[in-house]
Amino acid sequence: MSPKQTHLSIRTRLIVSIATCTLAGLSGLAAAAHSWRANARINKSFPAIAKTGPAPSVPERRRPIAEFESELVTLTPHGFEPREITRPQGRFLLMVDNLSGLATSNLQLNRKVGGRLREFVMRREDANWSDVIDLPPGRYVLSDADHPEWTCQVTITAK
């Protein structure tokens, strides 16, 4: 190639590159303008919702929140989980979740030394049982009458 042809070739490439970049830039601007116009039409069709004052306050509770804690015990095919609970004296909600798979479970809450405090039957259809309990300090045992090896030791300490 002669130097004149090389110079012409470079010049042609440069012009084509500039033209391509210009067209790409104009296409981008056209797309942006179209998008802006479309948004402007939508905003005119759907005016902004008027802002109101601060969010309404949360209504006052009609029923007070329970002023006691809870303990969850799960009855599994292998016994109670946890196997031991220690808590301070005072009312608490004892919840037993039945995941044993047994048709019925005959549960008992007994004093370690002494008599029975509670006895209740849990059926498979009734997945859980709960009751508010207020025990004096001491040691207690939650057990299944049909599976004496399944126990949960409950220790109530003085406040």
N, C-alpha and C. Protein backbone atom coordinates (compact mmCIF):
# COMPACT_ATOMS: atom_id res chain seq x y z
N MET A 1 0.83 -1.16 0.00
CA MET A 1 0.00 0.00 0.00
C MET A 1 0.89 1.24 0.00
N SER A 2 0.42 2.20 -0.70
CA SER A 2 1.19 3.43 -0.75
C SER A 2 0.85 4.27 0.46
N PRO A 3 1.74 5.22 0.82
CA PRO A 3 1.46 6.05 1.99
C PRO A 3 0.19 6.86 1.82
N LYS A 4 -0.16 7.21 0.59
CA LYS A 4 -1.38 7.98 0.35
C LYS A 4 -2.60 7.12 0.64
N GLN A 5 -2.56 5.82 0.24
CA GLN A 5 -3.69 4.92 0.48
C GLN A 5 -3.81 4.62 1.98
N THR A 6 -2.70 4.48 2.70
CA THR A 6 -2.72 4.21 4.13
C THR A 6 -3.34 5.39 4.87
N HIS A 7 -2.92 6.62 4.44
CA HIS A 7 -3.46 7.82 5.07
C HIS A 7 -4.96 7.92 4.84
N LEU A 8 -5.44 7.57 3.65
CA LEU A 8 -6.86 7.59 3.31
C LEU A 8 -7.61 6.54 4.12
N SER A 9 -6.99 5.38 4.28
CA SER A 9 -7.62 4.28 5.03
C SER A 9 -7.79 4.67 6.50
N ILE A 10 -6.78 5.28 7.10
CA ILE A 10 -6.86 5.69 8.50
C ILE A 10 -7.92 6.76 8.66
N ARG A 11 -7.93 7.70 7.69
CA ARG A 11 -8.91 8.78 7.73
C ARG A 11 -10.32 8.22 7.63
N THR A 12 -10.55 7.27 6.77
CA THR A 12 -11.86 6.64 6.60
C THR A 12 -12.27 5.93 7.88
N ARG A 13 -11.36 5.18 8.47
CA ARG A 13 -11.66 4.47 9.72
C ARG A 13 -12.02 5.45 10.83
N LEU A 14 -11.30 6.55 10.91
CA LEU A 14 -11.56 7.54 11.93
C LEU A 14 -12.95 8.15 11.75
N ILE A 15 -13.32 8.47 10.55
CA ILE A 15 -14.64 9.05 10.27
C ILE A 15 -15.74 8.04 10.60
N VAL A 16 -15.54 6.80 10.21
CA VAL A 16 -16.55 5.76 10.49
C VAL A 16 -16.68 5.58 12.01
N SER A 17 -15.59 5.57 12.74
CA SER A 17 -15.63 5.42 14.21
C SER A 17 -16.37 6.58 14.86
N ILE A 18 -16.07 7.80 14.44
CA ILE A 18 -16.74 8.98 15.01
C ILE A 18 -18.23 8.93 14.70
N ALA A 19 -18.56 8.56 13.48
CA ALA A 19 -19.98 8.49 13.10
C ALA A 19 -20.69 7.42 13.92
N THR A 20 -20.07 6.28 14.13
CA THR A 20 -20.67 5.20 14.91
C THR A 20 -20.89 5.64 16.36
N CYS A 21 -19.89 6.27 16.96
CA CYS A 21 -20.02 6.74 18.35
C CYS A 21 -21.12 7.80 18.46
N THR A 22 -21.18 8.67 17.49
CA THR A 22 -22.21 9.71 17.50
C THR A 22 -23.59 9.10 17.42
N LEU A 23 -23.76 8.14 16.52
CA LEU A 23 -25.06 7.47 16.39
C LEU A 23 -25.45 6.72 17.67
N ALA A 24 -24.47 6.06 18.28
CA ALA A 24 -24.75 5.34 19.53
C ALA A 24 -25.16 6.32 20.62
N GLY A 25 -24.46 7.43 20.72
CA GLY A 25 -24.79 8.44 21.73
C GLY A 25 -26.18 9.02 21.52
N LEU A 26 -26.50 9.31 20.26
CA LEU A 26 -27.82 9.86 19.96
C LEU A 26 -28.92 8.84 20.25
N SER A 27 -28.65 7.59 19.96
CA SER A 27 -29.64 6.53 20.26
C SER A 27 -29.90 6.46 21.76
N GLY A 28 -28.83 6.56 22.55
CA GLY A 28 -28.98 6.54 24.01
C GLY A 28 -29.79 7.72 24.50
N LEU A 29 -29.49 8.89 23.97
CA LEU A 29 -30.25 10.09 24.35
C LEU A 29 -31.72 9.97 23.96
N ALA A 30 -31.98 9.42 22.79
CA ALA A 30 -33.36 9.26 22.33
C ALA A 30 -34.11 8.30 23.26
N ALA A 31 -33.46 7.22 23.67
CA ALA A 31 -34.11 6.26 24.58
C ALA A 31 -34.39 6.91 25.93
N ALA A 32 -33.44 7.70 26.43
CA ALA A 32 -33.63 8.37 27.71
C ALA A 32 -34.77 9.37 27.63
N ALA A 33 -34.83 10.12 26.53
CA ALA A 33 -35.90 11.11 26.36
C ALA A 33 -37.25 10.42 26.28
N HIS A 34 -37.32 9.31 25.58
CA HIS A 34 -38.58 8.56 25.47
C HIS A 34 -39.03 8.09 26.85
N SER A 35 -38.10 7.56 27.62
CA SER A 35 -38.41 7.07 28.96
C SER A 35 -38.90 8.23 29.84
N TRP A 36 -38.23 9.38 29.75
CA TRP A 36 -38.61 10.53 30.55
C TRP A 36 -40.01 11.00 30.20
N ARG A 37 -40.31 11.01 28.89
CA ARG A 37 -41.65 11.43 28.45
C ARG A 37 -42.72 10.46 28.94
N ALA A 38 -42.42 9.16 28.87
CA ALA A 38 -43.39 8.16 29.33
C ALA A 38 -43.67 8.35 30.81
N ASN A 39 -42.63 8.57 31.61
CA ASN A 39 -42.82 8.80 33.05
C ASN A 39 -43.61 10.07 33.30
N ALA A 40 -43.35 11.11 32.50
CA ALA A 40 -44.08 12.36 32.66
C ALA A 40 -45.57 12.15 32.40
N ARG A 41 -45.92 11.35 31.39
CA ARG A 41 -47.32 11.06 31.09
C ARG A 41 -47.96 10.29 32.23
N ILE A 42 -47.25 9.32 32.78
CA ILE A 42 -47.80 8.52 33.89
C ILE A 42 -48.03 9.42 35.09
N ASN A 43 -47.08 10.29 35.40
CA ASN A 43 -47.22 11.18 36.56
C ASN A 43 -48.39 12.13 36.40
N LYS A 44 -48.68 12.56 35.16
CA LYS A 44 -49.84 13.44 34.95
C LYS A 44 -51.14 12.66 35.11
N SER A 45 -51.13 11.39 34.68
CA SER A 45 -52.34 10.56 34.77
C SER A 45 -52.65 10.18 36.21
N PHE A 46 -51.60 9.94 37.00
CA PHE A 46 -51.77 9.50 38.38
C PHE A 46 -51.05 10.48 39.30
N PRO A 47 -51.71 11.55 39.72
CA PRO A 47 -51.03 12.52 40.58
C PRO A 47 -50.62 11.86 41.90
N ALA A 48 -49.61 12.40 42.48
CA ALA A 48 -49.09 11.84 43.73
C ALA A 48 -50.15 11.90 44.81
N ILE A 49 -50.16 10.91 45.66
CA ILE A 49 -51.10 10.86 46.77
C ILE A 49 -50.68 11.91 47.78
N ALA A 50 -51.64 12.66 48.25
CA ALA A 50 -51.33 13.72 49.21
C ALA A 50 -50.80 13.10 50.48
N LYS A 51 -49.73 13.67 51.00
CA LYS A 51 -49.16 13.16 52.24
C LYS A 51 -50.03 13.63 53.40
N THR A 52 -50.25 12.75 54.32
CA THR A 52 -51.03 13.10 55.50
C THR A 52 -50.07 13.35 56.64
N GLY A 53 -50.58 13.61 57.78
CA GLY A 53 -49.77 13.88 58.97
C GLY A 53 -49.03 12.62 59.40
N PRO A 54 -48.52 12.63 60.59
CA PRO A 54 -47.78 11.47 61.09
C PRO A 54 -48.67 10.24 61.14
N ALA A 55 -48.04 9.08 61.11
CA ALA A 55 -48.78 7.81 61.15
C ALA A 55 -49.64 7.77 62.39
N PRO A 56 -50.81 7.14 62.28
CA PRO A 56 -51.68 7.07 63.45
C PRO A 56 -51.01 6.29 64.57
N SER A 57 -51.28 6.68 65.79
CA SER A 57 -50.66 6.00 66.93
C SER A 57 -51.28 4.62 67.08
N VAL A 58 -50.51 3.74 67.70
CA VAL A 58 -50.97 2.38 67.93
C VAL A 58 -52.06 2.42 68.99
N PRO A 59 -53.19 1.75 68.72
CA PRO A 59 -54.27 1.79 69.70
C PRO A 59 -53.84 1.17 71.02
N GLU A 60 -54.42 1.67 72.08
CA GLU A 60 -54.09 1.16 73.39
C GLU A 60 -54.60 -0.27 73.54
N ARG A 61 -53.80 -1.11 74.20
CA ARG A 61 -54.20 -2.50 74.41
C ARG A 61 -55.38 -2.57 75.36
N ARG A 62 -56.38 -3.35 75.00
CA ARG A 62 -57.53 -3.53 75.89
C ARG A 62 -57.27 -4.63 76.88
N ARG A 63 -56.45 -5.60 76.47
CA ARG A 63 -56.13 -6.73 77.33
C ARG A 63 -54.66 -6.63 77.69
N PRO A 64 -54.30 -6.63 78.96
CA PRO A 64 -52.89 -6.47 79.33
C PRO A 64 -52.06 -7.67 78.88
N ILE A 65 -50.81 -7.41 78.62
CA ILE A 65 -49.88 -8.49 78.29
C ILE A 65 -49.65 -9.29 79.56
N ALA A 66 -49.51 -10.61 79.40
CA ALA A 66 -49.30 -11.48 80.56
C ALA A 66 -48.06 -11.04 81.32
N GLU A 67 -48.19 -11.03 82.63
CA GLU A 67 -47.08 -10.60 83.48
C GLU A 67 -46.35 -11.81 84.05
N PHE A 68 -46.19 -12.84 83.25
CA PHE A 68 -45.44 -13.99 83.69
C PHE A 68 -44.75 -14.63 82.49
N GLU A 69 -43.78 -15.47 82.78
CA GLU A 69 -42.99 -16.11 81.74
C GLU A 69 -43.59 -17.46 81.39
N SER A 70 -42.95 -18.13 80.42
CA SER A 70 -43.44 -19.44 80.02
C SER A 70 -42.28 -20.42 79.90
N GLU A 71 -42.60 -21.67 79.99
CA GLU A 71 -41.64 -22.76 79.80
C GLU A 71 -42.25 -23.73 78.81
N LEU A 72 -41.49 -24.06 77.77
CA LEU A 72 -41.95 -25.01 76.76
C LEU A 72 -41.22 -26.33 76.94
N VAL A 73 -42.01 -27.39 77.05
CA VAL A 73 -41.47 -28.74 77.14
C VAL A 73 -42.06 -29.50 75.97
N THR A 74 -41.22 -30.25 75.26
CA THR A 74 -41.67 -31.01 74.11
C THR A 74 -41.62 -32.50 74.45
N LEU A 75 -42.72 -33.19 74.20
CA LEU A 75 -42.77 -34.63 74.38
C LEU A 75 -42.45 -35.28 73.03
N THR A 76 -41.33 -35.98 72.97
CA THR A 76 -40.86 -36.61 71.73
C THR A 76 -41.00 -38.12 71.85
N PRO A 77 -40.72 -38.88 70.81
CA PRO A 77 -40.77 -40.34 70.91
C PRO A 77 -39.72 -40.91 71.87
N HIS A 78 -38.81 -40.04 72.35
CA HIS A 78 -37.75 -40.50 73.25
C HIS A 78 -37.87 -39.91 74.65
N GLY A 79 -38.93 -39.14 74.88
CA GLY A 79 -39.12 -38.54 76.20
C GLY A 79 -39.26 -37.03 76.11
N PHE A 80 -39.04 -36.37 77.25
CA PHE A 80 -39.22 -34.92 77.33
C PHE A 80 -37.94 -34.18 76.95
N GLU A 81 -38.12 -33.05 76.33
CA GLU A 81 -37.02 -32.13 76.05
C GLU A 81 -37.48 -30.75 76.46
N PRO A 82 -36.79 -30.04 77.32
CA PRO A 82 -35.59 -30.46 78.03
C PRO A 82 -35.93 -31.45 79.12
N ARG A 83 -34.93 -32.06 79.65
CA ARG A 83 -35.14 -33.06 80.71
C ARG A 83 -35.16 -32.40 82.09
N GLU A 84 -34.78 -31.11 82.13
CA GLU A 84 -34.76 -30.42 83.42
C GLU A 84 -35.01 -28.93 83.22
N ILE A 85 -35.80 -28.35 84.12
CA ILE A 85 -36.09 -26.91 84.12
C ILE A 85 -35.84 -26.40 85.52
N THR A 86 -35.14 -25.27 85.62
CA THR A 86 -34.96 -24.60 86.90
C THR A 86 -35.41 -23.16 86.72
N ARG A 87 -36.28 -22.72 87.61
CA ARG A 87 -36.79 -21.35 87.49
C ARG A 87 -37.16 -20.82 88.86
N PRO A 88 -37.24 -19.48 89.01
CA PRO A 88 -37.60 -18.90 90.31
C PRO A 88 -39.10 -19.08 90.59
N GLN A 89 -39.42 -18.97 91.86
CA GLN A 89 -40.81 -19.08 92.29
C GLN A 89 -41.63 -17.97 91.63
N GLY A 90 -42.85 -18.29 91.29
CA GLY A 90 -43.76 -17.33 90.68
C GLY A 90 -44.56 -18.00 89.58
N ARG A 91 -45.63 -17.32 89.19
CA ARG A 91 -46.50 -17.89 88.15
C ARG A 91 -45.74 -18.00 86.83
N PHE A 92 -46.01 -19.08 86.10
CA PHE A 92 -45.48 -19.24 84.75
C PHE A 92 -46.44 -20.11 83.96
N LEU A 93 -46.35 -19.98 82.65
CA LEU A 93 -47.17 -20.77 81.75
C LEU A 93 -46.37 -22.01 81.37
N LEU A 94 -46.85 -23.18 81.75
CA LEU A 94 -46.21 -24.43 81.37
C LEU A 94 -46.89 -24.92 80.11
N MET A 95 -46.10 -25.07 79.05
CA MET A 95 -46.64 -25.54 77.77
C MET A 95 -45.98 -26.86 77.43
N VAL A 96 -46.78 -27.83 77.02
CA VAL A 96 -46.27 -29.13 76.60
C VAL A 96 -46.69 -29.32 75.15
N ASP A 97 -45.70 -29.49 74.30
CA ASP A 97 -45.92 -29.69 72.86
C ASP A 97 -45.78 -31.19 72.59
N ASN A 98 -46.81 -31.81 72.04
CA ASN A 98 -46.82 -33.26 71.85
C ASN A 98 -46.34 -33.63 70.45
N LEU A 99 -45.10 -34.07 70.35
CA LEU A 99 -44.54 -34.58 69.09
C LEU A 99 -44.17 -36.05 69.23
N SER A 100 -44.80 -36.73 70.19
CA SER A 100 -44.46 -38.12 70.49
C SER A 100 -44.96 -39.10 69.43
N GLY A 101 -46.04 -38.74 68.74
CA GLY A 101 -46.62 -39.66 67.77
C GLY A 101 -47.58 -40.66 68.40
N LEU A 102 -47.70 -40.64 69.73
CA LEU A 102 -48.61 -41.56 70.43
C LEU A 102 -50.05 -41.08 70.30
N ALA A 103 -50.98 -42.02 70.29
CA ALA A 103 -52.40 -41.67 70.21
C ALA A 103 -52.82 -40.86 71.43
N THR A 104 -52.36 -41.26 72.61
CA THR A 104 -52.63 -40.51 73.85
C THR A 104 -51.40 -40.57 74.74
N SER A 105 -51.26 -39.56 75.56
CA SER A 105 -50.20 -39.52 76.57
C SER A 105 -50.86 -39.08 77.87
N ASN A 106 -50.64 -39.84 78.92
CA ASN A 106 -51.20 -39.53 80.24
C ASN A 106 -50.12 -38.83 81.06
N LEU A 107 -50.17 -37.51 81.06
CA LEU A 107 -49.12 -36.74 81.72
C LEU A 107 -49.51 -36.40 83.14
N GLN A 108 -48.48 -36.32 84.00
CA GLN A 108 -48.68 -36.01 85.40
C GLN A 108 -47.62 -35.03 85.86
N LEU A 109 -48.00 -34.12 86.73
CA LEU A 109 -47.05 -33.25 87.39
C LEU A 109 -47.14 -33.57 88.87
N ASN A 110 -46.06 -34.12 89.43
CA ASN A 110 -46.02 -34.58 90.82
C ASN A 110 -44.94 -33.85 91.59
N ARG A 111 -45.15 -33.72 92.90
CA ARG A 111 -44.07 -33.27 93.77
C ARG A 111 -43.05 -34.40 93.83
N LYS A 112 -41.78 -34.06 93.93
CA LYS A 112 -40.75 -35.10 94.02
C LYS A 112 -41.02 -35.96 95.25
N VAL A 113 -41.38 -35.29 96.34
CA VAL A 113 -41.77 -36.00 97.56
C VAL A 113 -43.17 -35.50 97.88
N GLY A 114 -44.14 -36.33 97.62
CA GLY A 114 -45.51 -35.89 97.89
C GLY A 114 -46.45 -36.37 96.80
N GLY A 115 -47.55 -35.68 96.68
CA GLY A 115 -48.61 -36.13 95.81
C GLY A 115 -48.63 -35.48 94.44
N ARG A 116 -49.64 -35.88 93.72
CA ARG A 116 -49.87 -35.39 92.35
C ARG A 116 -50.51 -34.00 92.40
N LEU A 117 -50.00 -33.10 91.54
CA LEU A 117 -50.56 -31.75 91.45
C LEU A 117 -51.51 -31.62 90.27
N ARG A 118 -51.11 -32.18 89.14
CA ARG A 118 -51.92 -32.10 87.92
C ARG A 118 -51.83 -33.43 87.18
N GLU A 119 -52.92 -33.73 86.49
CA GLU A 119 -52.95 -34.92 85.62
C GLU A 119 -53.77 -34.53 84.40
N PHE A 120 -53.26 -34.82 83.23
CA PHE A 120 -54.00 -34.48 82.02
C PHE A 120 -53.63 -35.45 80.90
N VAL A 121 -54.60 -35.65 80.01
CA VAL A 121 -54.41 -36.54 78.87
C VAL A 121 -54.21 -35.69 77.62
N MET A 122 -53.16 -36.00 76.89
CA MET A 122 -52.91 -35.32 75.61
C MET A 122 -53.19 -36.31 74.49
N ARG A 123 -54.05 -35.90 73.59
CA ARG A 123 -54.34 -36.74 72.43
C ARG A 123 -53.53 -36.23 71.24
N ARG A 124 -53.27 -37.10 70.30
CA ARG A 124 -52.50 -36.73 69.11
C ARG A 124 -53.16 -35.55 68.39
N GLU A 125 -54.51 -35.52 68.40
CA GLU A 125 -55.23 -34.44 67.73
C GLU A 125 -55.01 -33.10 68.41
N ASP A 126 -54.80 -33.12 69.73
CA ASP A 126 -54.52 -31.91 70.50
C ASP A 126 -53.00 -31.79 70.62
N ALA A 127 -52.42 -31.03 69.72
CA ALA A 127 -50.96 -31.00 69.61
C ALA A 127 -50.25 -30.44 70.84
N ASN A 128 -50.97 -29.67 71.68
CA ASN A 128 -50.28 -29.14 72.85
C ASN A 128 -51.24 -28.91 74.00
N TRP A 129 -50.65 -28.68 75.15
CA TRP A 129 -51.39 -28.40 76.38
C TRP A 129 -50.66 -27.28 77.10
N SER A 130 -51.41 -26.43 77.78
CA SER A 130 -50.77 -25.39 78.58
C SER A 130 -51.66 -25.02 79.75
N ASP A 131 -50.99 -24.53 80.80
CA ASP A 131 -51.72 -24.08 81.97
C ASP A 131 -50.80 -23.14 82.76
N VAL A 132 -51.40 -22.18 83.44
CA VAL A 132 -50.63 -21.28 84.29
C VAL A 132 -50.43 -22.00 85.62
N ILE A 133 -49.17 -22.03 86.05
CA ILE A 133 -48.82 -22.77 87.27
C ILE A 133 -48.08 -21.84 88.21
N ASP A 134 -48.36 -21.96 89.49
CA ASP A 134 -47.66 -21.18 90.52
C ASP A 134 -47.28 -22.17 91.61
N LEU A 135 -46.03 -22.63 91.57
CA LEU A 135 -45.57 -23.66 92.50
C LEU A 135 -44.67 -23.06 93.58
N PRO A 136 -44.79 -23.56 94.81
CA PRO A 136 -43.85 -23.12 95.84
C PRO A 136 -42.47 -23.72 95.57
N PRO A 137 -41.42 -23.14 96.15
CA PRO A 137 -40.08 -23.70 95.93
C PRO A 137 -40.05 -25.19 96.26
N GLY A 138 -39.34 -25.93 95.43
CA GLY A 138 -39.24 -27.38 95.62
C GLY A 138 -38.90 -28.06 94.30
N ARG A 139 -38.95 -29.40 94.37
CA ARG A 139 -38.64 -30.21 93.17
C ARG A 139 -39.90 -30.96 92.75
N TYR A 140 -40.12 -30.97 91.43
CA TYR A 140 -41.30 -31.57 90.85
C TYR A 140 -40.88 -32.42 89.66
N VAL A 141 -41.78 -33.33 89.25
CA VAL A 141 -41.50 -34.21 88.11
C VAL A 141 -42.70 -34.21 87.17
N LEU A 142 -42.43 -33.88 85.91
CA LEU A 142 -43.43 -34.02 84.86
C LEU A 142 -43.13 -35.36 84.20
N SER A 143 -44.14 -36.23 84.11
CA SER A 143 -43.89 -37.57 83.56
C SER A 143 -45.08 -38.07 82.76
N ASP A 144 -44.84 -39.14 82.02
CA ASP A 144 -45.89 -39.82 81.27
C ASP A 144 -46.15 -41.13 82.00
N ALA A 145 -47.39 -41.33 82.45
CA ALA A 145 -47.73 -42.52 83.24
C ALA A 145 -47.46 -43.81 82.48
N ASP A 146 -47.59 -43.79 81.15
CA ASP A 146 -47.37 -44.99 80.35
C ASP A 146 -45.90 -45.23 80.03
N HIS A 147 -45.05 -44.23 80.25
CA HIS A 147 -43.61 -44.34 80.01
C HIS A 147 -42.89 -43.71 81.20
N PRO A 148 -42.76 -44.42 82.31
CA PRO A 148 -42.21 -43.85 83.54
C PRO A 148 -40.77 -43.33 83.39
N GLU A 149 -40.06 -43.82 82.39
CA GLU A 149 -38.67 -43.34 82.18
C GLU A 149 -38.64 -41.96 81.52
N TRP A 150 -39.74 -41.51 80.98
CA TRP A 150 -39.83 -40.19 80.37
C TRP A 150 -40.17 -39.18 81.45
N THR A 151 -39.21 -38.38 81.84
CA THR A 151 -39.44 -37.40 82.90
C THR A 151 -38.78 -36.06 82.56
N CYS A 152 -39.32 -35.03 83.16
CA CYS A 152 -38.72 -33.70 83.11
C CYS A 152 -38.71 -33.19 84.55
N GLN A 153 -37.52 -32.97 85.10
CA GLN A 153 -37.37 -32.47 86.46
C GLN A 153 -37.61 -30.97 86.46
N VAL A 154 -38.50 -30.50 87.32
CA VAL A 154 -38.80 -29.07 87.44
C VAL A 154 -38.38 -28.62 88.84
N THR A 155 -37.43 -27.70 88.89
CA THR A 155 -36.95 -27.18 90.17
C THR A 155 -37.37 -25.73 90.28
N ILE A 156 -38.08 -25.41 91.36
CA ILE A 156 -38.51 -24.04 91.63
C ILE A 156 -37.68 -23.53 92.79
N THR A 157 -36.95 -22.44 92.54
CA THR A 157 -36.09 -21.87 93.56
C THR A 157 -36.81 -20.71 94.24
N ALA A 158 -36.35 -20.37 95.46
CA ALA A 158 -36.91 -19.21 96.14
C ALA A 158 -36.47 -17.97 95.39
N LYS A 159 -37.33 -16.95 95.39
CA LYS A 159 -37.02 -15.71 94.66
C LYS A 159 -35.76 -15.17 95.18
